[in-house]
Amino acid sequence: MAKRRSPLTREQKLANEMARQCSEGAIRVLNEIMMHSDDEGARIKAANSILDRGLGKPHQSVAIENHEHSFRDLPAVQRRAMLLAAVSAVDAEIEVGAPKLLQASEE
Protein backbone atom coordinates (compact mmCIF):
# COMPACT_ATOMS: atom_id res chain seq x y z
CA MET A 1 0.00 0.00 0.00
CA ALA A 2 1.31 3.45 -0.89
CA LYS A 3 2.40 5.69 1.94
CA ARG A 4 0.31 8.83 2.21
CA ARG A 5 2.13 12.12 2.17
CA SER A 6 1.44 14.36 5.10
CA PRO A 7 -0.40 17.56 4.21
CA LEU A 8 1.71 20.64 3.60
CA THR A 9 1.97 23.16 6.38
CA ARG A 10 0.87 26.75 5.85
CA GLU A 11 4.54 27.78 5.60
CA GLN A 12 5.28 25.10 2.99
CA LYS A 13 2.30 26.21 0.91
CA LEU A 14 3.47 29.83 1.13
CA ALA A 15 7.02 28.85 0.15
CA ASN A 16 5.72 26.88 -2.84
CA GLU A 17 3.62 29.82 -3.98
CA MET A 18 6.54 32.24 -3.61
CA ALA A 19 8.77 29.88 -5.61
CA ARG A 20 6.16 29.71 -8.38
CA GLN A 21 5.92 33.51 -8.47
CA CYS A 22 9.73 33.88 -8.68
CA SER A 23 10.38 31.06 -11.13
CA GLU A 24 10.03 33.15 -14.30
CA GLY A 25 12.46 35.76 -12.97
CA ALA A 26 14.88 33.06 -11.85
CA ILE A 27 14.88 31.49 -15.31
CA ARG A 28 15.49 34.95 -16.83
CA VAL A 29 18.50 35.45 -14.51
CA LEU A 30 19.87 32.03 -15.41
CA ASN A 31 19.37 32.76 -19.09
CA GLU A 32 21.18 36.11 -18.73
CA ILE A 33 24.11 34.38 -17.01
CA MET A 34 24.16 31.61 -19.61
CA MET A 35 24.18 34.05 -22.52
CA HIS A 36 26.38 36.90 -21.24
CA SER A 37 28.62 35.89 -18.33
CA ASP A 38 32.37 36.10 -18.86
CA ASP A 39 32.76 33.14 -16.49
CA GLU A 40 32.48 29.93 -18.51
CA GLY A 41 31.78 27.91 -15.35
CA ALA A 42 28.84 30.16 -14.48
CA ARG A 43 27.48 29.82 -18.01
CA ILE A 44 27.67 26.02 -17.80
CA LYS A 45 26.01 25.93 -14.37
CA ALA A 46 23.23 28.24 -15.58
CA ALA A 47 22.66 26.12 -18.68
CA ASN A 48 22.53 22.95 -16.59
CA SER A 49 20.10 24.56 -14.15
CA ILE A 50 17.81 25.56 -17.00
CA LEU A 51 17.96 22.06 -18.48
CA ASP A 52 17.34 20.46 -15.08
CA ARG A 53 14.33 22.71 -14.56
CA GLY A 54 12.87 22.06 -18.01
CA LEU A 55 13.78 18.43 -18.60
CA GLY A 56 14.43 17.09 -15.11
CA LYS A 57 17.75 16.02 -13.67
CA PRO A 58 19.41 13.03 -15.26
CA HIS A 59 19.43 9.84 -13.23
CA GLN A 60 22.61 9.34 -11.25
CA SER A 61 24.08 6.09 -10.11
CA VAL A 62 27.02 5.25 -7.94
CA ALA A 63 29.25 2.41 -9.04
CA ILE A 64 30.74 0.52 -6.14
CA GLU A 65 33.28 -2.04 -7.17
CA ASN A 66 34.60 -4.73 -4.93
CA HIS A 67 35.72 -7.84 -6.74
CA GLU A 68 35.95 -9.99 -3.62
CA HIS A 69 32.56 -9.31 -2.03
CA SER A 70 29.22 -7.82 -2.88
CA PHE A 71 28.30 -4.53 -1.25
CA ARG A 72 25.94 -6.29 1.17
CA ASP A 73 28.75 -8.58 2.32
CA LEU A 74 30.90 -5.67 3.49
CA PRO A 75 30.81 -4.63 7.15
CA ALA A 76 28.20 -1.99 7.92
CA VAL A 77 30.90 0.55 8.86
CA GLN A 78 32.57 0.15 5.47
CA ARG A 79 29.25 0.35 3.58
CA ARG A 80 28.39 3.54 5.50
CA ALA A 81 31.80 5.08 4.73
CA MET A 82 31.43 4.32 1.03
CA LEU A 83 27.93 5.82 0.89
CA LEU A 84 29.00 8.94 2.81
CA ALA A 85 31.91 9.42 0.40
CA ALA A 86 29.51 9.23 -2.54
CA VAL A 87 27.12 11.75 -0.92
CA SER A 88 30.03 14.09 -0.15
CA ALA A 89 31.14 13.96 -3.77
CA VAL A 90 27.66 14.92 -4.98
CA ASP A 91 27.40 17.70 -2.37
CA ALA A 92 30.75 19.08 -3.55
CA GLU A 93 29.49 19.19 -7.15
CA ILE A 94 26.37 21.08 -6.05
CA GLU A 95 28.30 23.61 -3.95
CA VAL A 96 30.77 24.50 -6.72
CA GLY A 97 28.27 26.54 -8.72
CA ALA A 98 25.98 27.80 -5.97
CA PRO A 99 27.94 30.91 -4.84
CA LYS A 100 28.46 32.21 -8.38
CA LEU A 101 24.81 31.78 -9.28
CA LEU A 102 23.69 33.50 -6.09
CA GLN A 103 26.04 36.45 -6.66
CA ALA A 104 24.78 36.91 -10.22
CA SER A 105 21.15 36.85 -9.13
CA GLU A 106 21.82 39.53 -6.49
CA GLU A 107 23.35 42.01 -8.98
PDB file of N, CA and C in Angstrom:
ATOM      1  N   MET A   1       0.834  -1.177   0.000  1.00  0.00           N
ATOM      2  CA  MET A   1       0.000   0.000   0.000  1.00  0.00           C
ATOM      3  C   MET A   1       0.882   1.245   0.000  1.00  0.00           C
ATOM      4  N   ALA A   2       0.518   2.229  -0.780  1.00  0.00           N
ATOM      5  CA  ALA A   2       1.310   3.454  -0.893  1.00  0.00           C
ATOM      6  C   ALA A   2       1.214   4.272   0.385  1.00  0.00           C
ATOM      7  N   LYS A   3       2.353   4.841   0.751  1.00  0.00           N
ATOM      8  CA  LYS A   3       2.398   5.685   1.945  1.00  0.00           C
ATOM      9  C   LYS A   3       1.818   7.053   1.608  1.00  0.00           C
ATOM     10  N   ARG A   4       0.922   7.527   2.435  1.00  0.00           N
ATOM     11  CA  ARG A   4       0.310   8.833   2.212  1.00  0.00           C
ATOM     12  C   ARG A   4       1.259   9.933   2.641  1.00  0.00           C
ATOM     13  N   ARG A   5       1.325  10.966   1.820  1.00  0.00           N
ATOM     14  CA  ARG A   5       2.134  12.120   2.174  1.00  0.00           C
ATOM     15  C   ARG A   5       1.363  12.968   3.174  1.00  0.00           C
ATOM     16  N   SER A   6       2.100  13.501   4.135  1.00  0.00           N
ATOM     17  CA  SER A   6       1.440  14.362   5.103  1.00  0.00           C
ATOM     18  C   SER A   6       1.098  15.678   4.420  1.00  0.00           C
ATOM     19  N   PRO A   7      -0.003  16.303   4.834  1.00  0.00           N
ATOM     20  CA  PRO A   7      -0.403  17.560   4.207  1.00  0.00           C
ATOM     21  C   PRO A   7       0.654  18.644   4.445  1.00  0.00           C
ATOM     22  N   LEU A   8       0.759  19.550   3.484  1.00  0.00           N
ATOM     23  CA  LEU A   8       1.711  20.645   3.604  1.00  0.00           C
ATOM     24  C   LEU A   8       1.278  21.615   4.701  1.00  0.00           C
ATOM     25  N   THR A   9       2.267  22.138   5.388  1.00  0.00           N
ATOM     26  CA  THR A   9       1.972  23.164   6.383  1.00  0.00           C
ATOM     27  C   THR A   9       1.675  24.475   5.674  1.00  0.00           C
ATOM     28  N   ARG A  10       1.150  25.429   6.404  1.00  0.00           N
ATOM     29  CA  ARG A  10       0.871  26.748   5.848  1.00  0.00           C
ATOM     30  C   ARG A  10       2.148  27.381   5.291  1.00  0.00           C
ATOM     31  N   GLU A  11       3.262  27.210   6.024  1.00  0.00           N
ATOM     32  CA  GLU A  11       4.540  27.776   5.601  1.00  0.00           C
ATOM     33  C   GLU A  11       5.034  27.123   4.312  1.00  0.00           C
ATOM     34  N   GLN A  12       4.862  25.805   4.204  1.00  0.00           N
ATOM     35  CA  GLN A  12       5.280  25.101   2.992  1.00  0.00           C
ATOM     36  C   GLN A  12       4.453  25.546   1.792  1.00  0.00           C
ATOM     37  N   LYS A  13       3.159  25.735   1.988  1.00  0.00           N
ATOM     38  CA  LYS A  13       2.299  26.212   0.907  1.00  0.00           C
ATOM     39  C   LYS A  13       2.719  27.609   0.469  1.00  0.00           C
ATOM     40  N   LEU A  14       3.030  28.474   1.437  1.00  0.00           N
ATOM     41  CA  LEU A  14       3.472  29.830   1.132  1.00  0.00           C
ATOM     42  C   LEU A  14       4.800  29.803   0.374  1.00  0.00           C
ATOM     43  N   ALA A  15       5.728  28.970   0.824  1.00  0.00           N
ATOM     44  CA  ALA A  15       7.024  28.855   0.152  1.00  0.00           C
ATOM     45  C   ALA A  15       6.850  28.356  -1.283  1.00  0.00           C
ATOM     46  N   ASN A  16       5.981  27.377  -1.496  1.00  0.00           N
ATOM     47  CA  ASN A  16       5.721  26.877  -2.843  1.00  0.00           C
ATOM     48  C   ASN A  16       5.148  27.965  -3.737  1.00  0.00           C
ATOM     49  N   GLU A  17       4.223  28.736  -3.207  1.00  0.00           N
ATOM     50  CA  GLU A  17       3.618  29.819  -3.984  1.00  0.00           C
ATOM     51  C   GLU A  17       4.645  30.891  -4.328  1.00  0.00           C
ATOM     52  N   MET A  18       5.495  31.240  -3.357  1.00  0.00           N
ATOM     53  CA  MET A  18       6.539  32.236  -3.614  1.00  0.00           C
ATOM     54  C   MET A  18       7.513  31.737  -4.681  1.00  0.00           C
ATOM     55  N   ALA A  19       7.861  30.460  -4.619  1.00  0.00           N
ATOM     56  CA  ALA A  19       8.768  29.881  -5.614  1.00  0.00           C
ATOM     57  C   ALA A  19       8.140  29.937  -7.002  1.00  0.00           C
ATOM     58  N   ARG A  20       6.846  29.635  -7.091  1.00  0.00           N
ATOM     59  CA  ARG A  20       6.161  29.709  -8.382  1.00  0.00           C
ATOM     60  C   ARG A  20       6.171  31.142  -8.921  1.00  0.00           C
ATOM     61  N   GLN A  21       5.947  32.109  -8.039  1.00  0.00           N
ATOM     62  CA  GLN A  21       5.924  33.507  -8.472  1.00  0.00           C
ATOM     63  C   GLN A  21       7.302  33.989  -8.931  1.00  0.00           C
ATOM     64  N   CYS A  22       8.364  33.448  -8.350  1.00  0.00           N
ATOM     65  CA  CYS A  22       9.726  33.878  -8.676  1.00  0.00           C
ATOM     66  C   CYS A  22      10.354  33.067  -9.798  1.00  0.00           C
ATOM     67  N   SER A  23       9.724  31.977 -10.191  1.00  0.00           N
ATOM     68  CA  SER A  23      10.382  31.061 -11.127  1.00  0.00           C
ATOM     69  C   SER A  23      10.673  31.701 -12.479  1.00  0.00           C
ATOM     70  N   GLU A  24       9.773  32.522 -13.002  1.00  0.00           N
ATOM     71  CA  GLU A  24      10.029  33.153 -14.298  1.00  0.00           C
ATOM     72  C   GLU A  24      11.237  34.084 -14.214  1.00  0.00           C
ATOM     73  N   GLY A  25      11.317  34.871 -13.153  1.00  0.00           N
ATOM     74  CA  GLY A  25      12.464  35.761 -12.971  1.00  0.00           C
ATOM     75  C   GLY A  25      13.758  34.986 -12.793  1.00  0.00           C
ATOM     76  N   ALA A  26      13.687  33.880 -12.064  1.00  0.00           N
ATOM     77  CA  ALA A  26      14.883  33.056 -11.848  1.00  0.00           C
ATOM     78  C   ALA A  26      15.386  32.483 -13.165  1.00  0.00           C
ATOM     79  N   ILE A  27      14.489  32.024 -14.005  1.00  0.00           N
ATOM     80  CA  ILE A  27      14.876  31.490 -15.312  1.00  0.00           C
ATOM     81  C   ILE A  27      15.485  32.605 -16.162  1.00  0.00           C
ATOM     82  N   ARG A  28      14.928  33.812 -16.070  1.00  0.00           N
ATOM     83  CA  ARG A  28      15.486  34.946 -16.832  1.00  0.00           C
ATOM     84  C   ARG A  28      16.913  35.246 -16.369  1.00  0.00           C
ATOM     85  N   VAL A  29      17.148  35.208 -15.040  1.00  0.00           N
ATOM     86  CA  VAL A  29      18.502  35.448 -14.507  1.00  0.00           C
ATOM     87  C   VAL A  29      19.450  34.371 -15.001  1.00  0.00           C
ATOM     88  N   LEU A  30      19.026  33.124 -14.927  1.00  0.00           N
ATOM     89  CA  LEU A  30      19.871  32.027 -15.405  1.00  0.00           C
ATOM     90  C   LEU A  30      20.167  32.172 -16.897  1.00  0.00           C
ATOM     91  N   ASN A  31      19.165  32.565 -17.664  1.00  0.00           N
ATOM     92  CA  ASN A  31      19.369  32.758 -19.092  1.00  0.00           C
ATOM     93  C   ASN A  31      20.363  33.891 -19.342  1.00  0.00           C
ATOM     94  N   GLU A  32      20.253  34.974 -18.592  1.00  0.00           N
ATOM     95  CA  GLU A  32      21.177  36.107 -18.731  1.00  0.00           C
ATOM     96  C   GLU A  32      22.616  35.664 -18.425  1.00  0.00           C
ATOM     97  N   ILE A  33      22.780  34.895 -17.362  1.00  0.00           N
ATOM     98  CA  ILE A  33      24.112  34.377 -17.014  1.00  0.00           C
ATOM     99  C   ILE A  33      24.623  33.463 -18.114  1.00  0.00           C
ATOM    100  N   MET A  34      23.770  32.572 -18.581  1.00  0.00           N
ATOM    101  CA  MET A  34      24.162  31.613 -19.610  1.00  0.00           C
ATOM    102  C   MET A  34      24.595  32.328 -20.887  1.00  0.00           C
ATOM    103  N   MET A  35      23.909  33.381 -21.251  1.00  0.00           N
ATOM    104  CA  MET A  35      24.182  34.053 -22.517  1.00  0.00           C
ATOM    105  C   MET A  35      25.307  35.082 -22.437  1.00  0.00           C
ATOM    106  N   HIS A  36      25.509  35.727 -21.268  1.00  0.00           N
ATOM    107  CA  HIS A  36      26.378  36.899 -21.242  1.00  0.00           C
ATOM    108  C   HIS A  36      27.498  36.893 -20.215  1.00  0.00           C
ATOM    109  N   SER A  37      27.575  35.898 -19.359  1.00  0.00           N
ATOM    110  CA  SER A  37      28.619  35.893 -18.334  1.00  0.00           C
ATOM    111  C   SER A  37      29.990  35.658 -18.967  1.00  0.00           C
ATOM    112  N   ASP A  38      31.002  36.324 -18.423  1.00  0.00           N
ATOM    113  CA  ASP A  38      32.373  36.098 -18.857  1.00  0.00           C
ATOM    114  C   ASP A  38      32.950  34.823 -18.236  1.00  0.00           C
ATOM    115  N   ASP A  39      32.300  34.330 -17.208  1.00  0.00           N
ATOM    116  CA  ASP A  39      32.757  33.137 -16.488  1.00  0.00           C
ATOM    117  C   ASP A  39      32.144  31.895 -17.132  1.00  0.00           C
ATOM    118  N   GLU A  40      32.977  31.117 -17.809  1.00  0.00           N
ATOM    119  CA  GLU A  40      32.482  29.929 -18.507  1.00  0.00           C
ATOM    120  C   GLU A  40      31.813  28.947 -17.549  1.00  0.00           C
ATOM    121  N   GLY A  41      32.375  28.812 -16.332  1.00  0.00           N
ATOM    122  CA  GLY A  41      31.779  27.908 -15.345  1.00  0.00           C
ATOM    123  C   GLY A  41      30.372  28.337 -14.968  1.00  0.00           C
ATOM    124  N   ALA A  42      30.177  29.649 -14.808  1.00  0.00           N
ATOM    125  CA  ALA A  42      28.842  30.162 -14.477  1.00  0.00           C
ATOM    126  C   ALA A  42      27.875  29.910 -15.623  1.00  0.00           C
ATOM    127  N   ARG A  43      28.346  30.071 -16.860  1.00  0.00           N
ATOM    128  CA  ARG A  43      27.480  29.819 -18.010  1.00  0.00           C
ATOM    129  C   ARG A  43      27.048  28.358 -18.057  1.00  0.00           C
ATOM    130  N   ILE A  44      27.990  27.454 -17.790  1.00  0.00           N
ATOM    131  CA  ILE A  44      27.673  26.019 -17.803  1.00  0.00           C
ATOM    132  C   ILE A  44      26.681  25.682 -16.697  1.00  0.00           C
ATOM    133  N   LYS A  45      26.917  26.205 -15.496  1.00  0.00           N
ATOM    134  CA  LYS A  45      26.005  25.929 -14.374  1.00  0.00           C
ATOM    135  C   LYS A  45      24.611  26.469 -14.666  1.00  0.00           C
ATOM    136  N   ALA A  46      24.535  27.667 -15.247  1.00  0.00           N
ATOM    137  CA  ALA A  46      23.233  28.243 -15.578  1.00  0.00           C
ATOM    138  C   ALA A  46      22.521  27.389 -16.622  1.00  0.00           C
ATOM    139  N   ALA A  47      23.255  26.963 -17.647  1.00  0.00           N
ATOM    140  CA  ALA A  47      22.656  26.117 -18.682  1.00  0.00           C
ATOM    141  C   ALA A  47      22.151  24.812 -18.086  1.00  0.00           C
ATOM    142  N   ASN A  48      22.961  24.196 -17.230  1.00  0.00           N
ATOM    143  CA  ASN A  48      22.528  22.945 -16.585  1.00  0.00           C
ATOM    144  C   ASN A  48      21.304  23.164 -15.714  1.00  0.00           C
ATOM    145  N   SER A  49      21.263  24.279 -15.003  1.00  0.00           N
ATOM    146  CA  SER A  49      20.103  24.562 -14.152  1.00  0.00           C
ATOM    147  C   SER A  49      18.844  24.713 -14.984  1.00  0.00           C
ATOM    148  N   ILE A  50      18.966  25.391 -16.116  1.00  0.00           N
ATOM    149  CA  ILE A  50      17.806  25.555 -17.003  1.00  0.00           C
ATOM    150  C   ILE A  50      17.359  24.198 -17.537  1.00  0.00           C
ATOM    151  N   LEU A  51      18.311  23.388 -17.972  1.00  0.00           N
ATOM    152  CA  LEU A  51      17.955  22.060 -18.477  1.00  0.00           C
ATOM    153  C   LEU A  51      17.321  21.197 -17.387  1.00  0.00           C
ATOM    154  N   ASP A  52      17.896  21.239 -16.183  1.00  0.00           N
ATOM    155  CA  ASP A  52      17.336  20.461 -15.078  1.00  0.00           C
ATOM    156  C   ASP A  52      15.905  20.892 -14.779  1.00  0.00           C
ATOM    157  N   ARG A  53      15.666  22.178 -14.836  1.00  0.00           N
ATOM    158  CA  ARG A  53      14.326  22.705 -14.564  1.00  0.00           C
ATOM    159  C   ARG A  53      13.335  22.274 -15.642  1.00  0.00           C
ATOM    160  N   GLY A  54      13.779  22.358 -16.903  1.00  0.00           N
ATOM    161  CA  GLY A  54      12.869  22.058 -18.006  1.00  0.00           C
ATOM    162  C   GLY A  54      12.722  20.584 -18.318  1.00  0.00           C
ATOM    163  N   LEU A  55      13.808  19.842 -18.198  1.00  0.00           N
ATOM    164  CA  LEU A  55      13.785  18.433 -18.602  1.00  0.00           C
ATOM    165  C   LEU A  55      13.869  17.464 -17.434  1.00  0.00           C
ATOM    166  N   GLY A  56      14.216  17.964 -16.261  1.00  0.00           N
ATOM    167  CA  GLY A  56      14.426  17.095 -15.108  1.00  0.00           C
ATOM    168  C   GLY A  56      15.875  16.676 -15.042  1.00  0.00           C
ATOM    169  N   LYS A  57      16.352  16.409 -13.844  1.00  0.00           N
ATOM    170  CA  LYS A  57      17.747  16.019 -13.670  1.00  0.00           C
ATOM    171  C   LYS A  57      17.957  14.613 -14.199  1.00  0.00           C
ATOM    172  N   PRO A  58      19.128  14.395 -14.796  1.00  0.00           N
ATOM    173  CA  PRO A  58      19.413  13.033 -15.263  1.00  0.00           C
ATOM    174  C   PRO A  58      19.577  12.095 -14.070  1.00  0.00           C
ATOM    175  N   HIS A  59      19.269  10.830 -14.291  1.00  0.00           N
ATOM    176  CA  HIS A  59      19.430   9.839 -13.231  1.00  0.00           C
ATOM    177  C   HIS A  59      20.909   9.662 -12.930  1.00  0.00           C
ATOM    178  N   GLN A  60      21.225   9.550 -11.655  1.00  0.00           N
ATOM    179  CA  GLN A  60      22.611   9.337 -11.254  1.00  0.00           C
ATOM    180  C   GLN A  60      22.715   7.987 -10.571  1.00  0.00           C
ATOM    181  N   SER A  61      23.829   7.349 -10.797  1.00  0.00           N
ATOM    182  CA  SER A  61      24.084   6.093 -10.106  1.00  0.00           C
ATOM    183  C   SER A  61      25.496   6.131  -9.553  1.00  0.00           C
ATOM    184  N   VAL A  62      25.707   5.352  -8.549  1.00  0.00           N
ATOM    185  CA  VAL A  62      27.020   5.252  -7.939  1.00  0.00           C
ATOM    186  C   VAL A  62      27.512   3.835  -8.166  1.00  0.00           C
ATOM    187  N   ALA A  63      28.665   3.725  -8.802  1.00  0.00           N
ATOM    188  CA  ALA A  63      29.248   2.410  -9.041  1.00  0.00           C
ATOM    189  C   ALA A  63      30.173   2.073  -7.878  1.00  0.00           C
ATOM    190  N   ILE A  64      29.897   0.973  -7.239  1.00  0.00           N
ATOM    191  CA  ILE A  64      30.740   0.519  -6.136  1.00  0.00           C
ATOM    192  C   ILE A  64      31.319  -0.821  -6.562  1.00  0.00           C
ATOM    193  N   GLU A  65      32.621  -0.826  -6.710  1.00  0.00           N
ATOM    194  CA  GLU A  65      33.277  -2.043  -7.172  1.00  0.00           C
ATOM    195  C   GLU A  65      34.053  -2.685  -6.040  1.00  0.00           C
ATOM    196  N   ASN A  66      33.832  -3.931  -5.876  1.00  0.00           N
ATOM    197  CA  ASN A  66      34.600  -4.732  -4.931  1.00  0.00           C
ATOM    198  C   ASN A  66      34.575  -6.133  -5.501  1.00  0.00           C
ATOM    199  N   HIS A  67      35.692  -6.568  -6.027  1.00  0.00           N
ATOM    200  CA  HIS A  67      35.721  -7.836  -6.744  1.00  0.00           C
ATOM    201  C   HIS A  67      35.675  -9.052  -5.823  1.00  0.00           C
ATOM    202  N   GLU A  68      35.939  -8.856  -4.538  1.00  0.00           N
ATOM    203  CA  GLU A  68      35.951  -9.986  -3.620  1.00  0.00           C
ATOM    204  C   GLU A  68      34.591 -10.237  -2.977  1.00  0.00           C
ATOM    205  N   HIS A  69      33.836  -9.175  -2.730  1.00  0.00           N
ATOM    206  CA  HIS A  69      32.558  -9.310  -2.026  1.00  0.00           C
ATOM    207  C   HIS A  69      31.519  -8.407  -2.674  1.00  0.00           C
ATOM    208  N   SER A  70      30.275  -8.733  -2.458  1.00  0.00           N
ATOM    209  CA  SER A  70      29.225  -7.823  -2.880  1.00  0.00           C
ATOM    210  C   SER A  70      29.106  -6.729  -1.822  1.00  0.00           C
ATOM    211  N   PHE A  71      28.454  -5.651  -2.155  1.00  0.00           N
ATOM    212  CA  PHE A  71      28.299  -4.526  -1.245  1.00  0.00           C
ATOM    213  C   PHE A  71      27.655  -4.976   0.070  1.00  0.00           C
ATOM    214  N   ARG A  72      26.646  -5.824  -0.033  1.00  0.00           N
ATOM    215  CA  ARG A  72      25.942  -6.291   1.171  1.00  0.00           C
ATOM    216  C   ARG A  72      26.828  -7.129   2.091  1.00  0.00           C
ATOM    217  N   ASP A  73      27.851  -7.749   1.521  1.00  0.00           N
ATOM    218  CA  ASP A  73      28.747  -8.584   2.323  1.00  0.00           C
ATOM    219  C   ASP A  73      29.753  -7.769   3.131  1.00  0.00           C
ATOM    220  N   LEU A  74      29.937  -6.506   2.778  1.00  0.00           N
ATOM    221  CA  LEU A  74      30.899  -5.673   3.491  1.00  0.00           C
ATOM    222  C   LEU A  74      30.375  -5.326   4.876  1.00  0.00           C
ATOM    223  N   PRO A  75      31.260  -5.059   5.820  1.00  0.00           N
ATOM    224  CA  PRO A  75      30.809  -4.634   7.152  1.00  0.00           C
ATOM    225  C   PRO A  75      30.022  -3.330   7.060  1.00  0.00           C
ATOM    226  N   ALA A  76      29.066  -3.167   7.938  1.00  0.00           N
ATOM    227  CA  ALA A  76      28.197  -1.987   7.918  1.00  0.00           C
ATOM    228  C   ALA A  76      28.998  -0.689   7.970  1.00  0.00           C
ATOM    229  N   VAL A  77      30.075  -0.659   8.751  1.00  0.00           N
ATOM    230  CA  VAL A  77      30.897   0.548   8.858  1.00  0.00           C
ATOM    231  C   VAL A  77      31.506   0.903   7.505  1.00  0.00           C
ATOM    232  N   GLN A  78      31.965  -0.101   6.783  1.00  0.00           N
ATOM    233  CA  GLN A  78      32.571   0.145   5.473  1.00  0.00           C
ATOM    234  C   GLN A  78      31.508   0.580   4.459  1.00  0.00           C
ATOM    235  N   ARG A  79      30.330  -0.056   4.483  1.00  0.00           N
ATOM    236  CA  ARG A  79      29.249   0.349   3.577  1.00  0.00           C
ATOM    237  C   ARG A  79      28.864   1.792   3.835  1.00  0.00           C
ATOM    238  N   ARG A  80      28.751   2.171   5.123  1.00  0.00           N
ATOM    239  CA  ARG A  80      28.391   3.541   5.496  1.00  0.00           C
ATOM    240  C   ARG A  80      29.441   4.523   5.001  1.00  0.00           C
ATOM    241  N   ALA A  81      30.720   4.196   5.170  1.00  0.00           N
ATOM    242  CA  ALA A  81      31.804   5.079   4.730  1.00  0.00           C
ATOM    243  C   ALA A  81      31.752   5.280   3.220  1.00  0.00           C
ATOM    244  N   MET A  82      31.492   4.216   2.480  1.00  0.00           N
ATOM    245  CA  MET A  82      31.427   4.320   1.027  1.00  0.00           C
ATOM    246  C   MET A  82      30.251   5.197   0.597  1.00  0.00           C
ATOM    247  N   LEU A  83      29.107   5.020   1.236  1.00  0.00           N
ATOM    248  CA  LEU A  83      27.932   5.821   0.893  1.00  0.00           C
ATOM    249  C   LEU A  83      28.131   7.287   1.259  1.00  0.00           C
ATOM    250  N   LEU A  84      28.729   7.555   2.417  1.00  0.00           N
ATOM    251  CA  LEU A  84      28.996   8.941   2.814  1.00  0.00           C
ATOM    252  C   LEU A  84      29.973   9.610   1.851  1.00  0.00           C
ATOM    253  N   ALA A  85      30.958   8.865   1.371  1.00  0.00           N
ATOM    254  CA  ALA A  85      31.906   9.416   0.402  1.00  0.00           C
ATOM    255  C   ALA A  85      31.191   9.787  -0.898  1.00  0.00           C
ATOM    256  N   ALA A  86      30.268   8.938  -1.317  1.00  0.00           N
ATOM    257  CA  ALA A  86      29.511   9.226  -2.537  1.00  0.00           C
ATOM    258  C   ALA A  86      28.635  10.460  -2.354  1.00  0.00           C
ATOM    259  N   VAL A  87      27.964  10.580  -1.204  1.00  0.00           N
ATOM    260  CA  VAL A  87      27.120  11.748  -0.925  1.00  0.00           C
ATOM    261  C   VAL A  87      27.963  13.009  -0.854  1.00  0.00           C
ATOM    262  N   SER A  88      29.126  12.934  -0.235  1.00  0.00           N
ATOM    263  CA  SER A  88      30.025  14.089  -0.149  1.00  0.00           C
ATOM    264  C   SER A  88      30.464  14.541  -1.529  1.00  0.00           C
ATOM    265  N   ALA A  89      30.732  13.610  -2.412  1.00  0.00           N
ATOM    266  CA  ALA A  89      31.144  13.957  -3.770  1.00  0.00           C
ATOM    267  C   ALA A  89      30.026  14.697  -4.499  1.00  0.00           C
ATOM    268  N   VAL A  90      28.796  14.247  -4.347  1.00  0.00           N
ATOM    269  CA  VAL A  90      27.660  14.916  -4.980  1.00  0.00           C
ATOM    270  C   VAL A  90      27.458  16.295  -4.362  1.00  0.00           C
ATOM    271  N   ASP A  91      27.538  16.404  -3.036  1.00  0.00           N
ATOM    272  CA  ASP A  91      27.403  17.703  -2.370  1.00  0.00           C
ATOM    273  C   ASP A  91      28.451  18.683  -2.865  1.00  0.00           C
ATOM    274  N   ALA A  92      29.670  18.214  -3.061  1.00  0.00           N
ATOM    275  CA  ALA A  92      30.749  19.083  -3.547  1.00  0.00           C
ATOM    276  C   ALA A  92      30.426  19.599  -4.947  1.00  0.00           C
ATOM    277  N   GLU A  93      29.872  18.749  -5.802  1.00  0.00           N
ATOM    278  CA  GLU A  93      29.488  19.186  -7.148  1.00  0.00           C
ATOM    279  C   GLU A  93      28.415  20.264  -7.084  1.00  0.00           C
ATOM    280  N   ILE A  94      27.460  20.110  -6.180  1.00  0.00           N
ATOM    281  CA  ILE A  94      26.373  21.077  -6.047  1.00  0.00           C
ATOM    282  C   ILE A  94      26.909  22.414  -5.552  1.00  0.00           C
ATOM    283  N   GLU A  95      27.803  22.385  -4.568  1.00  0.00           N
ATOM    284  CA  GLU A  95      28.302  23.612  -3.953  1.00  0.00           C
ATOM    285  C   GLU A  95      29.205  24.418  -4.869  1.00  0.00           C
ATOM    286  N   VAL A  96      29.823  23.800  -5.851  1.00  0.00           N
ATOM    287  CA  VAL A  96      30.772  24.500  -6.722  1.00  0.00           C
ATOM    288  C   VAL A  96      30.097  25.672  -7.426  1.00  0.00           C
ATOM    289  N   GLY A  97      28.920  25.482  -7.953  1.00  0.00           N
ATOM    290  CA  GLY A  97      28.268  26.538  -8.720  1.00  0.00           C
ATOM    291  C   GLY A  97      27.354  27.429  -7.920  1.00  0.00           C
ATOM    292  N   ALA A  98      26.967  27.036  -6.720  1.00  0.00           N
ATOM    293  CA  ALA A  98      25.977  27.799  -5.970  1.00  0.00           C
ATOM    294  C   ALA A  98      26.396  29.229  -5.670  1.00  0.00           C
ATOM    295  N   PRO A  99      27.609  29.528  -5.161  1.00  0.00           N
ATOM    296  CA  PRO A  99      27.938  30.913  -4.839  1.00  0.00           C
ATOM    297  C   PRO A  99      27.920  31.835  -6.049  1.00  0.00           C
ATOM    298  N   LYS A 100      28.438  31.377  -7.186  1.00  0.00           N
ATOM    299  CA  LYS A 100      28.464  32.215  -8.375  1.00  0.00           C
ATOM    300  C   LYS A 100      27.057  32.531  -8.852  1.00  0.00           C
ATOM    301  N   LEU A 101      26.177  31.541  -8.834  1.00  0.00           N
ATOM    302  CA  LEU A 101      24.809  31.776  -9.283  1.00  0.00           C
ATOM    303  C   LEU A 101      24.096  32.728  -8.333  1.00  0.00           C
ATOM    304  N   LEU A 102      24.319  32.599  -7.047  1.00  0.00           N
ATOM    305  CA  LEU A 102      23.686  33.495  -6.087  1.00  0.00           C
ATOM    306  C   LEU A 102      24.191  34.915  -6.248  1.00  0.00           C
ATOM    307  N   GLN A 103      25.479  35.107  -6.466  1.00  0.00           N
ATOM    308  CA  GLN A 103      26.035  36.446  -6.661  1.00  0.00           C
ATOM    309  C   GLN A 103      25.434  37.090  -7.891  1.00  0.00           C
ATOM    310  N   ALA A 104      25.321  36.361  -8.967  1.00  0.00           N
ATOM    311  CA  ALA A 104      24.783  36.910 -10.216  1.00  0.00           C
ATOM    312  C   ALA A 104      23.331  37.302 -10.056  1.00  0.00           C
ATOM    313  N   SER A 105      22.565  36.534  -9.303  1.00  0.00           N
ATOM    314  CA  SER A 105      21.152  36.852  -9.131  1.00  0.00           C
ATOM    315  C   SER A 105      20.941  38.061  -8.225  1.00  0.00           C
ATOM    316  N   GLU A 106      21.935  38.395  -7.377  1.00  0.00           N
ATOM    317  CA  GLU A 106      21.816  39.533  -6.486  1.00  0.00           C
ATOM    318  C   GLU A 106      22.183  40.841  -7.166  1.00  0.00           C
ATOM    319  N   GLU A 107      22.903  40.777  -8.291  1.00  0.00           N
ATOM    320  CA  GLU A 107      23.348  42.007  -8.977  1.00  0.00           C
ATOM    321  C   GLU A 107      22.240  42.670  -9.730  1.00  0.00           C
TER     322      GLU A 107
END
